[in-house]
C-alpha cells in the first residue's frame, strides 16, 4: 500500500519537470506545457492507481 504514493506522484512530478523544461526552452510566456503535462500526469497517476487496486 505504500507504493500508492510513488505510483501517483511519479507521473505528476515527471509532467511538471518536462513542462517546466519545455516552457523555458521554448520561451513561452504562459506556462502552457507545465499546465497540460501536469494535468496529464494527474490523470495518468489516477488511472494507474485505479488499475492496480481495482483487481
Protein backbone atom coordinates (compact mmCIF):
# COMPACT_ATOMS: atom_id res chain seq x y z
CA UNK A 1 0.00 0.00 0.00
CA UNK A 2 3.00 2.33 0.41
CA UNK A 3 3.67 2.25 -3.31
CA UNK A 4 0.49 4.24 -3.99
CA UNK A 5 2.44 7.44 -3.28
CA UNK A 6 5.06 6.65 -5.91
CA UNK A 7 2.50 5.42 -8.42
CA UNK A 8 0.52 8.64 -8.07
CA UNK A 9 3.30 11.21 -7.67
CA UNK A 10 5.74 9.81 -10.23
CA UNK A 11 3.83 10.87 -13.36
CA UNK A 12 2.86 14.20 -11.79
CA UNK A 13 6.45 15.15 -10.92
CA UNK A 14 7.65 13.96 -14.32
CA UNK A 15 4.97 16.04 -16.07
CA UNK A 16 5.88 19.13 -14.06
CA UNK A 17 9.58 18.69 -14.77
CA UNK A 18 9.17 18.18 -18.50
CA UNK A 19 6.64 21.02 -18.68
CA UNK A 20 8.94 23.49 -16.96
CA UNK A 21 11.81 22.44 -19.21
CA UNK A 22 9.74 22.89 -22.37
CA UNK A 23 8.36 26.25 -21.24
CA UNK A 24 11.86 27.55 -20.57
CA UNK A 25 13.38 26.04 -23.72
CA UNK A 26 10.69 27.49 -25.96
CA UNK A 27 10.45 30.78 -24.01
CA UNK A 28 6.69 30.53 -23.61
CA UNK A 29 5.15 33.45 -21.72
CA UNK A 30 2.29 31.43 -20.19
CA UNK A 31 3.34 28.02 -18.77
CA UNK A 32 1.11 26.05 -21.13
CA UNK A 33 3.27 22.92 -21.28
CA UNK A 34 3.57 22.79 -17.49
CA UNK A 35 -0.21 23.02 -17.05
CA UNK A 36 -1.02 20.47 -19.74
CA UNK A 37 1.63 17.95 -18.73
CA UNK A 38 0.74 18.30 -15.04
CA UNK A 39 -2.90 17.52 -15.80
CA UNK A 40 -1.82 14.60 -17.95
CA UNK A 41 0.36 13.38 -15.08
CA UNK A 42 -2.55 13.60 -12.65
CA UNK A 43 -4.82 11.66 -14.98
CA UNK A 44 -2.12 9.05 -15.65
CA UNK A 45 -1.35 8.66 -11.94
CA UNK A 46 -5.01 8.24 -11.00
CA UNK A 47 -5.54 5.75 -13.80
CA UNK A 48 -2.51 3.74 -12.68
CA UNK A 49 -3.71 3.64 -9.07
CA UNK A 50 -7.22 2.68 -10.16
CA UNK A 51 -5.92 -0.03 -12.45
CA UNK A 52 -3.62 -1.51 -9.79
CA UNK A 53 -6.11 -1.54 -6.91
CA UNK A 54 -9.34 -2.31 -8.75
CA UNK A 55 -8.47 -6.01 -9.01
